[in-house]
Amino acid sequence: MAEMIERIEKVLEQDVRPSLLSHEGNVQIVSYEEKSKILRVRLTGQCSGLSLRHSLQRKR
């Protein structure tokens, strides 16, 4: 499971955080359930009221 968390963190760092940080926000991993492959994240800062989908769409 630790390997998967590292892979997820790498994707967040490269593809998600730059966009969120440019708007004074960030993302934190809350939990990852390996069996169901469910990742729970928390958006923080100015992005706390937005959906992650909205944040990623703005990047494109």
PDB file of N, CA and C in Angstrom:
ATOM      1  N   MET A   1       0.827  -1.201   0.000  1.00  0.00           N
ATOM      2  CA  MET A   1       0.000   0.000   0.000  1.00  0.00           C
ATOM      3  C   MET A   1       0.864   1.255   0.000  1.00  0.00           C
ATOM      4  N   ALA A   2       1.989   1.214   0.678  1.00  0.00           N
ATOM      5  CA  ALA A   2       2.858   2.388   0.731  1.00  0.00           C
ATOM      6  C   ALA A   2       3.327   2.782  -0.668  1.00  0.00           C
ATOM      7  N   GLU A   3       3.557   1.772  -1.518  1.00  0.00           N
ATOM      8  CA  GLU A   3       3.986   2.055  -2.890  1.00  0.00           C
ATOM      9  C   GLU A   3       2.896   2.812  -3.653  1.00  0.00           C
ATOM     10  N   MET A   4       1.656   2.411  -3.459  1.00  0.00           N
ATOM     11  CA  MET A   4       0.549   3.081  -4.143  1.00  0.00           C
ATOM     12  C   MET A   4       0.402   4.517  -3.653  1.00  0.00           C
ATOM     13  N   ILE A   5       0.523   4.739  -2.368  1.00  0.00           N
ATOM     14  CA  ILE A   5       0.449   6.099  -1.817  1.00  0.00           C
ATOM     15  C   ILE A   5       1.555   6.963  -2.417  1.00  0.00           C
ATOM     16  N   GLU A   6       2.741   6.413  -2.562  1.00  0.00           N
ATOM     17  CA  GLU A   6       3.849   7.156  -3.177  1.00  0.00           C
ATOM     18  C   GLU A   6       3.526   7.514  -4.624  1.00  0.00           C
ATOM     19  N   ARG A   7       2.947   6.582  -5.351  1.00  0.00           N
ATOM     20  CA  ARG A   7       2.573   6.844  -6.746  1.00  0.00           C
ATOM     21  C   ARG A   7       1.494   7.923  -6.825  1.00  0.00           C
ATOM     22  N   ILE A   8       0.527   7.850  -5.940  1.00  0.00           N
ATOM     23  CA  ILE A   8      -0.542   8.851  -5.908  1.00  0.00           C
ATOM     24  C   ILE A   8       0.041  10.213  -5.561  1.00  0.00           C
ATOM     25  N   GLU A   9       0.898  10.242  -4.569  1.00  0.00           N
ATOM     26  CA  GLU A   9       1.521  11.505  -4.148  1.00  0.00           C
ATOM     27  C   GLU A   9       2.317  12.127  -5.303  1.00  0.00           C
ATOM     28  N   LYS A  10       2.988  11.304  -6.079  1.00  0.00           N
ATOM     29  CA  LYS A  10       3.758  11.800  -7.224  1.00  0.00           C
ATOM     30  C   LYS A  10       2.835  12.454  -8.258  1.00  0.00           C
ATOM     31  N   VAL A  11       1.699  11.812  -8.533  1.00  0.00           N
ATOM     32  CA  VAL A  11       0.735  12.381  -9.480  1.00  0.00           C
ATOM     33  C   VAL A  11       0.170  13.684  -8.943  1.00  0.00           C
ATOM     34  N   LEU A  12      -0.176  13.699  -7.664  1.00  0.00           N
ATOM     35  CA  LEU A  12      -0.681  14.939  -7.061  1.00  0.00           C
ATOM     36  C   LEU A  12       0.354  16.053  -7.185  1.00  0.00           C
ATOM     37  N   GLU A  13       1.598  15.742  -6.898  1.00  0.00           N
ATOM     38  CA  GLU A  13       2.671  16.737  -6.934  1.00  0.00           C
ATOM     39  C   GLU A  13       2.895  17.283  -8.339  1.00  0.00           C
ATOM     40  N   GLN A  14       2.854  16.427  -9.323  1.00  0.00           N
ATOM     41  CA  GLN A  14       3.147  16.842 -10.696  1.00  0.00           C
ATOM     42  C   GLN A  14       1.941  17.440 -11.416  1.00  0.00           C
ATOM     43  N   ASP A  15       0.772  16.872 -11.210  1.00  0.00           N
ATOM     44  CA  ASP A  15      -0.376  17.228 -12.039  1.00  0.00           C
ATOM     45  C   ASP A  15      -1.475  18.022 -11.348  1.00  0.00           C
ATOM     46  N   VAL A  16      -1.574  17.934 -10.044  1.00  0.00           N
ATOM     47  CA  VAL A  16      -2.701  18.560  -9.354  1.00  0.00           C
ATOM     48  C   VAL A  16      -2.264  19.770  -8.534  1.00  0.00           C
ATOM     49  N   ARG A  17      -1.256  19.608  -7.705  1.00  0.00           N
ATOM     50  CA  ARG A  17      -0.861  20.691  -6.791  1.00  0.00           C
ATOM     51  C   ARG A  17      -0.472  21.995  -7.482  1.00  0.00           C
ATOM     52  N   PRO A  18       0.254  21.963  -8.601  1.00  0.00           N
ATOM     53  CA  PRO A  18       0.625  23.252  -9.210  1.00  0.00           C
ATOM     54  C   PRO A  18      -0.590  24.140  -9.491  1.00  0.00           C
ATOM     55  N   SER A  19      -1.650  23.548 -10.000  1.00  0.00           N
ATOM     56  CA  SER A  19      -2.856  24.323 -10.277  1.00  0.00           C
ATOM     57  C   SER A  19      -3.493  24.828  -8.987  1.00  0.00           C
ATOM     58  N   LEU A  20      -3.584  23.960  -7.997  1.00  0.00           N
ATOM     59  CA  LEU A  20      -4.196  24.360  -6.728  1.00  0.00           C
ATOM     60  C   LEU A  20      -3.370  25.432  -6.017  1.00  0.00           C
ATOM     61  N   LEU A  21      -2.051  25.255  -6.014  1.00  0.00           N
ATOM     62  CA  LEU A  21      -1.181  26.223  -5.345  1.00  0.00           C
ATOM     63  C   LEU A  21      -1.241  27.599  -6.010  1.00  0.00           C
ATOM     64  N   SER A  22      -1.468  27.616  -7.328  1.00  0.00           N
ATOM     65  CA  SER A  22      -1.568  28.902  -8.023  1.00  0.00           C
ATOM     66  C   SER A  22      -2.807  29.682  -7.595  1.00  0.00           C
ATOM     67  N   HIS A  23      -3.732  29.002  -6.932  1.00  0.00           N
ATOM     68  CA  HIS A  23      -4.946  29.638  -6.423  1.00  0.00           C
ATOM     69  C   HIS A  23      -4.997  29.591  -4.897  1.00  0.00           C
ATOM     70  N   GLU A  24      -3.825  29.509  -4.286  1.00  0.00           N
ATOM     71  CA  GLU A  24      -3.676  29.500  -2.830  1.00  0.00           C
ATOM     72  C   GLU A  24      -4.394  28.323  -2.167  1.00  0.00           C
ATOM     73  N   GLY A  25      -4.368  27.181  -2.821  1.00  0.00           N
ATOM     74  CA  GLY A  25      -4.980  25.980  -2.270  1.00  0.00           C
ATOM     75  C   GLY A  25      -3.991  24.831  -2.254  1.00  0.00           C
ATOM     76  N   ASN A  26      -4.452  23.678  -1.853  1.00  0.00           N
ATOM     77  CA  ASN A  26      -3.615  22.487  -1.811  1.00  0.00           C
ATOM     78  C   ASN A  26      -4.530  21.269  -1.695  1.00  0.00           C
ATOM     79  N   VAL A  27      -3.927  20.098  -1.737  1.00  0.00           N
ATOM     80  CA  VAL A  27      -4.661  18.852  -1.599  1.00  0.00           C
ATOM     81  C   VAL A  27      -3.884  17.946  -0.654  1.00  0.00           C
ATOM     82  N   GLN A  28      -4.613  17.251   0.210  1.00  0.00           N
ATOM     83  CA  GLN A  28      -4.010  16.311   1.157  1.00  0.00           C
ATOM     84  C   GLN A  28      -4.687  14.959   1.006  1.00  0.00           C
ATOM     85  N   ILE A  29      -3.894  13.899   1.086  1.00  0.00           N
ATOM     86  CA  ILE A  29      -4.468  12.560   1.082  1.00  0.00           C
ATOM     87  C   ILE A  29      -5.043  12.303   2.475  1.00  0.00           C
ATOM     88  N   VAL A  30      -6.305  11.936   2.515  1.00  0.00           N
ATOM     89  CA  VAL A  30      -6.961  11.597   3.771  1.00  0.00           C
ATOM     90  C   VAL A  30      -6.853  10.094   4.001  1.00  0.00           C
ATOM     91  N   SER A  31      -7.202   9.306   2.979  1.00  0.00           N
ATOM     92  CA  SER A  31      -7.115   7.856   3.100  1.00  0.00           C
ATOM     93  C   SER A  31      -7.112   7.223   1.723  1.00  0.00           C
ATOM     94  N   TYR A  32      -6.626   5.997   1.686  1.00  0.00           N
ATOM     95  CA  TYR A  32      -6.669   5.194   0.469  1.00  0.00           C
ATOM     96  C   TYR A  32      -7.033   3.779   0.875  1.00  0.00           C
ATOM     97  N   GLU A  33      -8.100   3.264   0.283  1.00  0.00           N
ATOM     98  CA  GLU A  33      -8.545   1.900   0.565  1.00  0.00           C
ATOM     99  C   GLU A  33      -8.109   1.020  -0.600  1.00  0.00           C
ATOM    100  N   GLU A  34      -7.106   0.208  -0.352  1.00  0.00           N
ATOM    101  CA  GLU A  34      -6.516  -0.581  -1.422  1.00  0.00           C
ATOM    102  C   GLU A  34      -7.511  -1.553  -2.047  1.00  0.00           C
ATOM    103  N   LYS A  35      -8.291  -2.202  -1.239  1.00  0.00           N
ATOM    104  CA  LYS A  35      -9.233  -3.211  -1.755  1.00  0.00           C
ATOM    105  C   LYS A  35     -10.243  -2.587  -2.721  1.00  0.00           C
ATOM    106  N   SER A  36     -10.825  -1.469  -2.348  1.00  0.00           N
ATOM    107  CA  SER A  36     -11.833  -0.813  -3.185  1.00  0.00           C
ATOM    108  C   SER A  36     -11.235   0.238  -4.116  1.00  0.00           C
ATOM    109  N   LYS A  37      -9.944   0.545  -3.911  1.00  0.00           N
ATOM    110  CA  LYS A  37      -9.236   1.559  -4.703  1.00  0.00           C
ATOM    111  C   LYS A  37      -9.899   2.941  -4.590  1.00  0.00           C
ATOM    112  N   ILE A  38     -10.358   3.247  -3.404  1.00  0.00           N
ATOM    113  CA  ILE A  38     -10.977   4.548  -3.150  1.00  0.00           C
ATOM    114  C   ILE A  38      -9.954   5.450  -2.472  1.00  0.00           C
ATOM    115  N   LEU A  39      -9.752   6.602  -3.088  1.00  0.00           N
ATOM    116  CA  LEU A  39      -8.851   7.618  -2.552  1.00  0.00           C
ATOM    117  C   LEU A  39      -9.696   8.778  -2.046  1.00  0.00           C
ATOM    118  N   ARG A  40      -9.458   9.162  -0.814  1.00  0.00           N
ATOM    119  CA  ARG A  40     -10.147  10.325  -0.256  1.00  0.00           C
ATOM    120  C   ARG A  40      -9.107  11.427  -0.058  1.00  0.00           C
ATOM    121  N   VAL A  41      -9.450  12.608  -0.554  1.00  0.00           N
ATOM    122  CA  VAL A  41      -8.551  13.749  -0.425  1.00  0.00           C
ATOM    123  C   VAL A  41      -9.286  14.908   0.210  1.00  0.00           C
ATOM    124  N   ARG A  42      -8.520  15.850   0.722  1.00  0.00           N
ATOM    125  CA  ARG A  42      -9.085  17.069   1.304  1.00  0.00           C
ATOM    126  C   ARG A  42      -8.480  18.251   0.554  1.00  0.00           C
ATOM    127  N   LEU A  43      -9.339  19.092   0.010  1.00  0.00           N
ATOM    128  CA  LEU A  43      -8.879  20.331  -0.603  1.00  0.00           C
ATOM    129  C   LEU A  43      -8.786  21.382   0.491  1.00  0.00           C
ATOM    130  N   THR A  44      -7.703  22.128   0.497  1.00  0.00           N
ATOM    131  CA  THR A  44      -7.484  23.118   1.551  1.00  0.00           C
ATOM    132  C   THR A  44      -7.258  24.504   0.953  1.00  0.00           C
ATOM    133  N   GLY A  45      -7.222  25.482   1.817  1.00  0.00           N
ATOM    134  CA  GLY A  45      -6.992  26.859   1.388  1.00  0.00           C
ATOM    135  C   GLY A  45      -8.167  27.387   0.590  1.00  0.00           C
ATOM    136  N   GLN A  46      -7.871  28.185  -0.416  1.00  0.00           N
ATOM    137  CA  GLN A  46      -8.908  28.795  -1.244  1.00  0.00           C
ATOM    138  C   GLN A  46      -9.681  27.764  -2.051  1.00  0.00           C
ATOM    139  N   CYS A  47      -9.135  26.557  -2.190  1.00  0.00           N
ATOM    140  CA  CYS A  47      -9.785  25.517  -2.992  1.00  0.00           C
ATOM    141  C   CYS A  47     -10.732  24.646  -2.174  1.00  0.00           C
ATOM    142  N   SER A  48     -10.877  24.924  -0.899  1.00  0.00           N
ATOM    143  CA  SER A  48     -11.672  24.041  -0.039  1.00  0.00           C
ATOM    144  C   SER A  48     -13.134  23.974  -0.446  1.00  0.00           C
ATOM    145  N   GLY A  49     -13.654  24.967  -1.146  1.00  0.00           N
ATOM    146  CA  GLY A  49     -15.043  24.947  -1.558  1.00  0.00           C
ATOM    147  C   GLY A  49     -15.266  24.426  -2.969  1.00  0.00           C
ATOM    148  N   LEU A  50     -14.190  24.082  -3.656  1.00  0.00           N
ATOM    149  CA  LEU A  50     -14.287  23.625  -5.039  1.00  0.00           C
ATOM    150  C   LEU A  50     -14.226  22.115  -5.128  1.00  0.00           C
ATOM    151  N   SER A  51     -14.705  21.593  -6.232  1.00  0.00           N
ATOM    152  CA  SER A  51     -14.529  20.164  -6.474  1.00  0.00           C
ATOM    153  C   SER A  51     -13.171  19.961  -7.132  1.00  0.00           C
ATOM    154  N   LEU A  52     -12.590  18.793  -6.950  1.00  0.00           N
ATOM    155  CA  LEU A  52     -11.308  18.494  -7.568  1.00  0.00           C
ATOM    156  C   LEU A  52     -11.455  18.508  -9.082  1.00  0.00           C
ATOM    157  N   ARG A  53     -12.583  18.071  -9.580  1.00  0.00           N
ATOM    158  CA  ARG A  53     -12.824  18.081 -11.024  1.00  0.00           C
ATOM    159  C   ARG A  53     -12.724  19.504 -11.563  1.00  0.00           C
ATOM    160  N   HIS A  54     -13.316  20.462 -10.859  1.00  0.00           N
ATOM    161  CA  HIS A  54     -13.251  21.870 -11.277  1.00  0.00           C
ATOM    162  C   HIS A  54     -11.815  22.339 -11.325  1.00  0.00           C
ATOM    163  N   SER A  55     -11.041  21.983 -10.330  1.00  0.00           N
ATOM    164  CA  SER A  55      -9.648  22.408 -10.272  1.00  0.00           C
ATOM    165  C   SER A  55      -8.828  21.808 -11.403  1.00  0.00           C
ATOM    166  N   LEU A  56      -9.065  20.553 -11.725  1.00  0.00           N
ATOM    167  CA  LEU A  56      -8.324  19.898 -12.790  1.00  0.00           C
ATOM    168  C   LEU A  56      -8.759  20.419 -14.163  1.00  0.00           C
ATOM    169  N   GLN A  57     -10.019  20.706 -14.340  1.00  0.00           N
ATOM    170  CA  GLN A  57     -10.491  21.228 -15.633  1.00  0.00           C
ATOM    171  C   GLN A  57      -9.901  22.591 -15.924  1.00  0.00           C
ATOM    172  N   ARG A  58      -9.709  23.398 -14.914  1.00  0.00           N
ATOM    173  CA  ARG A  58      -9.121  24.723 -15.119  1.00  0.00           C
ATOM    174  C   ARG A  58      -7.681  24.614 -15.593  1.00  0.00           C
ATOM    175  N   LYS A  59      -7.008  23.516 -15.228  1.00  0.00           N
ATOM    176  CA  LYS A  59      -5.611  23.333 -15.598  1.00  0.00           C
ATOM    177  C   LYS A  59      -5.480  23.096 -17.098  1.00  0.00           C
ATOM    178  N   ARG A  60      -6.451  22.447 -17.701  1.00  0.00           N
ATOM    179  CA  ARG A  60      -6.363  22.052 -19.112  1.00  0.00           C
ATOM    180  C   ARG A  60      -6.623  23.164 -20.054  1.00  0.00           C
TER     181      ARG A  60
END
